[in-house]
Amino acid sequence: MTCDIIIPIFNQVKFTRECVESIRKSTSISYRIIIIDDNSNDPAMVNFLGSIGDSNTKVIHNLNKDRKSTRLNSSHIPLSRMP
């Protein structure tokens, strides 16, 4: 069984990196990480998102909207079709 972990973000590279690393260290579950980026403008965050090359991690770039819109949009992701 695979656990889908959806992380809505805007900037905050330190916490996002810690979150992703913590999930990756877990060996007890099969997982897919879906990061919903709400148009982050911090260069460190943009570089971090661009460096993710894991087949278990997908980054979706959302237009700059509010938190509610970002979370609602994440509920429409076809998880079973994610590579």
Protein backbone atom coordinates (compact mmCIF):
# COMPACT_ATOMS: atom_id res chain seq x y z
CA MET A 1 0.00 0.00 0.00
CA THR A 2 1.28 3.46 -0.91
CA CYS A 3 0.74 6.56 1.21
CA ASP A 4 0.26 9.82 -0.71
CA ILE A 5 1.63 12.80 1.21
CA ILE A 6 0.48 16.21 -0.03
CA ILE A 7 2.49 19.24 1.14
CA PRO A 8 1.10 22.70 0.27
CA ILE A 9 3.92 25.28 0.45
CA PHE A 10 4.87 28.90 -0.09
CA ASN A 11 8.56 29.69 0.44
CA GLN A 12 9.85 28.33 3.83
CA VAL A 13 12.62 26.26 2.25
CA LYS A 14 14.10 25.16 5.59
CA PHE A 15 10.88 23.56 6.81
CA THR A 16 10.01 22.09 3.41
CA ARG A 17 13.46 20.49 3.11
CA GLU A 18 13.21 19.07 6.65
CA CYS A 19 9.75 17.68 5.90
CA VAL A 20 10.81 15.99 2.66
CA GLU A 21 14.00 14.58 4.21
CA SER A 22 12.04 13.22 7.17
CA ILE A 23 9.60 11.44 4.87
CA ARG A 24 12.42 10.02 2.75
CA LYS A 25 14.15 8.62 5.85
CA SER A 26 11.07 6.60 6.70
CA THR A 27 11.56 3.03 5.61
CA SER A 28 8.38 1.62 7.08
CA ILE A 29 6.01 2.89 4.38
CA SER A 30 5.79 3.13 0.63
CA TYR A 31 5.08 6.76 -0.22
CA ARG A 32 4.62 9.42 -2.89
CA ILE A 33 5.25 13.07 -2.03
CA ILE A 34 3.21 15.71 -3.84
CA ILE A 35 4.39 19.28 -3.23
CA ILE A 36 1.90 21.98 -4.18
CA ASP A 37 3.91 25.18 -4.56
CA ASP A 38 1.85 28.37 -4.37
CA ASN A 39 4.22 30.33 -6.64
CA SER A 40 7.14 30.62 -4.21
CA ASN A 41 9.42 33.56 -4.95
CA ASP A 42 12.31 32.81 -2.59
CA PRO A 43 15.34 31.87 -4.76
CA ALA A 44 16.41 29.19 -2.26
CA MET A 45 12.97 27.55 -2.48
CA VAL A 46 12.91 27.74 -6.27
CA ASN A 47 16.36 26.07 -6.38
CA PHE A 48 15.29 23.39 -3.90
CA LEU A 49 12.15 22.55 -5.87
CA GLY A 50 14.18 22.40 -9.07
CA SER A 51 16.69 20.01 -7.52
CA ILE A 52 14.14 17.36 -6.55
CA GLY A 53 14.84 14.48 -8.86
CA ASP A 54 13.13 11.70 -6.97
CA SER A 55 10.65 9.51 -8.85
CA ASN A 56 8.51 9.39 -5.68
CA THR A 57 8.20 13.18 -5.55
CA LYS A 58 6.14 15.45 -7.78
CA VAL A 59 6.10 19.26 -7.65
CA ILE A 60 3.01 21.06 -8.89
CA HIS A 61 3.34 24.80 -9.39
CA ASN A 62 0.13 26.62 -8.56
CA LEU A 63 -0.57 30.19 -9.60
CA ASN A 64 -0.24 32.58 -6.70
CA LYS A 65 -3.49 32.03 -4.86
CA ASP A 66 -4.46 31.88 -1.24
CA ARG A 67 -3.89 28.88 1.02
CA LYS A 68 -7.48 27.72 0.71
CA SER A 69 -7.28 27.56 -3.11
CA THR A 70 -3.98 25.69 -2.97
CA ARG A 71 -5.39 23.08 -0.59
CA LEU A 72 -8.61 22.70 -2.56
CA ASN A 73 -6.68 22.26 -5.82
CA SER A 74 -4.63 19.50 -4.23
CA SER A 75 -7.80 17.48 -3.66
CA HIS A 76 -8.24 17.17 -7.45
CA ILE A 77 -4.87 15.52 -8.17
CA PRO A 78 -5.32 12.13 -9.84
CA LEU A 79 -3.00 10.30 -7.45
CA SER A 80 -3.28 6.94 -9.17
CA ARG A 81 -1.88 8.49 -12.37
CA MET A 82 1.14 10.09 -10.78
CA PRO A 83 4.40 8.77 -12.21
